[in-house]
Amino acid sequence: MSKYEDILDEHPREFWEEQIKRWVFDEQARYALIRSLLDGVPYERIAEELNLSRTTVYKKITEYSEKLFKHI
């Protein structure tokens, strides 16, 4: 369960996709956020899809989630 789950439920998916595109400029981070926050895909799977380590995916999602939700 994401610490942002309550906030995510306040708006439709399209709203979040738009906000992610607006505030996240790193392509891999954008993809990882959508897959994690909106699709519920675990970090391990996202890491495989992006050919990155799980740690890198975790760091990207953590960093960019904080930036994203600061603007919402």
N, C-alpha and C. Protein backbone atom coordinates (compact mmCIF):
# COMPACT_ATOMS: atom_id res chain seq x y z
N MET A 1 0.83 -1.18 0.00
CA MET A 1 0.00 0.00 0.00
C MET A 1 0.88 1.25 0.00
N SER A 2 0.62 2.12 -0.94
CA SER A 2 1.39 3.36 -1.07
C SER A 2 0.96 4.37 -0.02
N LYS A 3 1.93 5.13 0.48
CA LYS A 3 1.57 6.18 1.43
C LYS A 3 0.75 7.28 0.77
N TYR A 4 0.71 7.26 -0.55
CA TYR A 4 -0.05 8.26 -1.30
C TYR A 4 -1.40 7.73 -1.79
N GLU A 5 -1.76 6.54 -1.38
CA GLU A 5 -2.96 5.90 -1.91
C GLU A 5 -4.22 6.75 -1.72
N ASP A 6 -4.40 7.36 -0.56
CA ASP A 6 -5.57 8.20 -0.32
C ASP A 6 -5.61 9.39 -1.27
N ILE A 7 -4.46 9.99 -1.50
CA ILE A 7 -4.38 11.13 -2.41
C ILE A 7 -4.66 10.69 -3.84
N LEU A 8 -4.12 9.54 -4.22
CA LEU A 8 -4.32 9.02 -5.58
C LEU A 8 -5.80 8.78 -5.86
N ASP A 9 -6.54 8.35 -4.85
CA ASP A 9 -7.96 8.06 -5.03
C ASP A 9 -8.81 9.31 -5.23
N GLU A 10 -8.25 10.48 -4.94
CA GLU A 10 -9.01 11.72 -5.05
C GLU A 10 -9.22 12.18 -6.49
N HIS A 11 -8.42 11.66 -7.42
CA HIS A 11 -8.50 12.10 -8.82
C HIS A 11 -8.43 10.90 -9.75
N PRO A 12 -8.98 11.03 -10.96
CA PRO A 12 -8.90 9.93 -11.93
C PRO A 12 -7.47 9.75 -12.47
N ARG A 13 -7.24 8.61 -13.06
CA ARG A 13 -5.93 8.25 -13.61
C ARG A 13 -5.42 9.33 -14.57
N GLU A 14 -6.29 9.84 -15.41
CA GLU A 14 -5.88 10.83 -16.41
C GLU A 14 -5.27 12.06 -15.74
N PHE A 15 -5.85 12.47 -14.63
CA PHE A 15 -5.30 13.60 -13.88
C PHE A 15 -3.87 13.31 -13.47
N TRP A 16 -3.62 12.12 -12.91
CA TRP A 16 -2.28 11.77 -12.43
C TRP A 16 -1.28 11.63 -13.57
N GLU A 17 -1.73 11.06 -14.69
CA GLU A 17 -0.83 10.96 -15.85
C GLU A 17 -0.40 12.35 -16.31
N GLU A 18 -1.36 13.26 -16.34
CA GLU A 18 -1.07 14.66 -16.73
C GLU A 18 -0.08 15.30 -15.75
N GLN A 19 -0.30 15.13 -14.46
CA GLN A 19 0.59 15.72 -13.45
C GLN A 19 1.99 15.12 -13.52
N ILE A 20 2.07 13.83 -13.73
CA ILE A 20 3.39 13.19 -13.85
C ILE A 20 4.13 13.74 -15.06
N LYS A 21 3.43 13.88 -16.18
CA LYS A 21 4.06 14.46 -17.37
C LYS A 21 4.48 15.91 -17.13
N ARG A 22 3.70 16.61 -16.35
CA ARG A 22 3.98 18.03 -16.09
C ARG A 22 5.17 18.24 -15.17
N TRP A 23 5.35 17.39 -14.16
CA TRP A 23 6.35 17.63 -13.13
C TRP A 23 7.55 16.71 -13.16
N VAL A 24 7.48 15.61 -13.90
CA VAL A 24 8.59 14.65 -13.91
C VAL A 24 9.20 14.63 -15.31
N PHE A 25 10.44 15.07 -15.40
CA PHE A 25 11.09 15.20 -16.71
C PHE A 25 11.98 14.02 -17.06
N ASP A 26 12.36 13.23 -16.11
CA ASP A 26 13.17 12.03 -16.32
C ASP A 26 12.25 10.93 -16.87
N GLU A 27 12.51 10.48 -18.10
CA GLU A 27 11.65 9.49 -18.77
C GLU A 27 11.50 8.21 -17.96
N GLN A 28 12.60 7.70 -17.43
CA GLN A 28 12.54 6.47 -16.66
C GLN A 28 11.75 6.67 -15.38
N ALA A 29 11.94 7.78 -14.74
CA ALA A 29 11.19 8.08 -13.51
C ALA A 29 9.70 8.22 -13.82
N ARG A 30 9.39 8.86 -14.92
CA ARG A 30 7.99 9.02 -15.32
C ARG A 30 7.34 7.65 -15.53
N TYR A 31 8.03 6.80 -16.26
CA TYR A 31 7.52 5.45 -16.52
C TYR A 31 7.36 4.68 -15.21
N ALA A 32 8.37 4.76 -14.35
CA ALA A 32 8.35 4.04 -13.07
C ALA A 32 7.21 4.52 -12.18
N LEU A 33 6.98 5.82 -12.13
CA LEU A 33 5.88 6.36 -11.32
C LEU A 33 4.53 5.86 -11.81
N ILE A 34 4.32 5.91 -13.11
CA ILE A 34 3.05 5.44 -13.66
C ILE A 34 2.85 3.96 -13.36
N ARG A 35 3.89 3.17 -13.57
CA ARG A 35 3.78 1.73 -13.33
C ARG A 35 3.57 1.42 -11.85
N SER A 36 4.25 2.14 -10.99
CA SER A 36 4.15 1.88 -9.56
C SER A 36 2.88 2.47 -8.95
N LEU A 37 2.70 3.78 -9.08
CA LEU A 37 1.58 4.45 -8.43
C LEU A 37 0.23 4.15 -9.06
N LEU A 38 0.18 4.12 -10.38
CA LEU A 38 -1.11 3.97 -11.06
C LEU A 38 -1.44 2.53 -11.41
N ASP A 39 -0.42 1.73 -11.72
CA ASP A 39 -0.67 0.34 -12.12
C ASP A 39 -0.43 -0.66 -10.99
N GLY A 40 0.24 -0.22 -9.93
CA GLY A 40 0.50 -1.11 -8.80
C GLY A 40 1.54 -2.18 -9.04
N VAL A 41 2.42 -1.94 -9.99
CA VAL A 41 3.46 -2.92 -10.34
C VAL A 41 4.60 -2.82 -9.32
N PRO A 42 5.09 -3.96 -8.83
CA PRO A 42 6.19 -3.93 -7.85
C PRO A 42 7.51 -3.44 -8.46
N TYR A 43 8.36 -2.89 -7.58
CA TYR A 43 9.64 -2.34 -8.00
C TYR A 43 10.48 -3.34 -8.79
N GLU A 44 10.48 -4.60 -8.38
CA GLU A 44 11.29 -5.62 -9.05
C GLU A 44 10.91 -5.75 -10.52
N ARG A 45 9.62 -5.75 -10.78
CA ARG A 45 9.16 -5.88 -12.17
C ARG A 45 9.50 -4.63 -12.98
N ILE A 46 9.32 -3.46 -12.38
CA ILE A 46 9.66 -2.21 -13.06
C ILE A 46 11.15 -2.20 -13.38
N ALA A 47 11.97 -2.65 -12.43
CA ALA A 47 13.42 -2.72 -12.64
C ALA A 47 13.75 -3.60 -13.84
N GLU A 48 13.08 -4.73 -13.96
CA GLU A 48 13.29 -5.62 -15.11
C GLU A 48 12.87 -4.93 -16.41
N GLU A 49 11.72 -4.25 -16.39
CA GLU A 49 11.23 -3.58 -17.59
C GLU A 49 12.16 -2.47 -18.05
N LEU A 50 12.80 -1.79 -17.10
CA LEU A 50 13.69 -0.68 -17.44
C LEU A 50 15.16 -1.08 -17.50
N ASN A 51 15.43 -2.34 -17.17
CA ASN A 51 16.81 -2.84 -17.12
C ASN A 51 17.65 -2.01 -16.14
N LEU A 52 17.06 -1.77 -14.97
CA LEU A 52 17.73 -1.04 -13.89
C LEU A 52 17.71 -1.91 -12.64
N SER A 53 18.50 -1.52 -11.65
CA SER A 53 18.46 -2.24 -10.38
C SER A 53 17.20 -1.83 -9.62
N ARG A 54 16.78 -2.71 -8.72
CA ARG A 54 15.62 -2.41 -7.88
C ARG A 54 15.89 -1.15 -7.04
N THR A 55 17.10 -1.01 -6.57
CA THR A 55 17.48 0.15 -5.76
C THR A 55 17.33 1.45 -6.55
N THR A 56 17.76 1.45 -7.79
CA THR A 56 17.64 2.63 -8.64
C THR A 56 16.17 2.99 -8.86
N VAL A 57 15.36 1.98 -9.12
CA VAL A 57 13.93 2.22 -9.32
C VAL A 57 13.31 2.77 -8.04
N TYR A 58 13.65 2.20 -6.91
CA TYR A 58 13.14 2.68 -5.63
C TYR A 58 13.52 4.15 -5.41
N LYS A 59 14.77 4.48 -5.67
CA LYS A 59 15.23 5.86 -5.48
C LYS A 59 14.50 6.83 -6.41
N LYS A 60 14.31 6.44 -7.66
CA LYS A 60 13.61 7.30 -8.61
C LYS A 60 12.16 7.52 -8.17
N ILE A 61 11.49 6.45 -7.80
CA ILE A 61 10.09 6.56 -7.40
C ILE A 61 9.96 7.41 -6.13
N THR A 62 10.83 7.18 -5.18
CA THR A 62 10.79 7.93 -3.93
C THR A 62 11.05 9.41 -4.18
N GLU A 63 12.11 9.71 -4.88
CA GLU A 63 12.48 11.11 -5.14
C GLU A 63 11.39 11.85 -5.92
N TYR A 64 10.94 11.25 -7.01
CA TYR A 64 9.99 11.94 -7.87
C TYR A 64 8.58 11.94 -7.31
N SER A 65 8.23 10.97 -6.50
CA SER A 65 6.92 10.99 -5.82
C SER A 65 6.85 12.20 -4.90
N GLU A 66 7.90 12.42 -4.15
CA GLU A 66 7.94 13.57 -3.24
C GLU A 66 7.81 14.88 -4.00
N LYS A 67 8.52 14.99 -5.11
CA LYS A 67 8.44 16.20 -5.93
C LYS A 67 7.03 16.37 -6.50
N LEU A 68 6.46 15.29 -7.00
CA LEU A 68 5.15 15.34 -7.60
C LEU A 68 4.09 15.77 -6.58
N PHE A 69 4.06 15.12 -5.44
CA PHE A 69 3.02 15.39 -4.46
C PHE A 69 3.21 16.73 -3.75
N LYS A 70 4.39 17.28 -3.82
CA LYS A 70 4.61 18.63 -3.27
C LYS A 70 3.83 19.67 -4.09
N HIS A 71 3.61 19.39 -5.37
CA HIS A 71 2.93 20.32 -6.25
C HIS A 71 1.42 20.12 -6.30
N ILE A 72 0.95 19.06 -5.72
CA ILE A 72 -0.48 18.75 -5.79
C ILE A 72 -1.21 19.31 -4.58
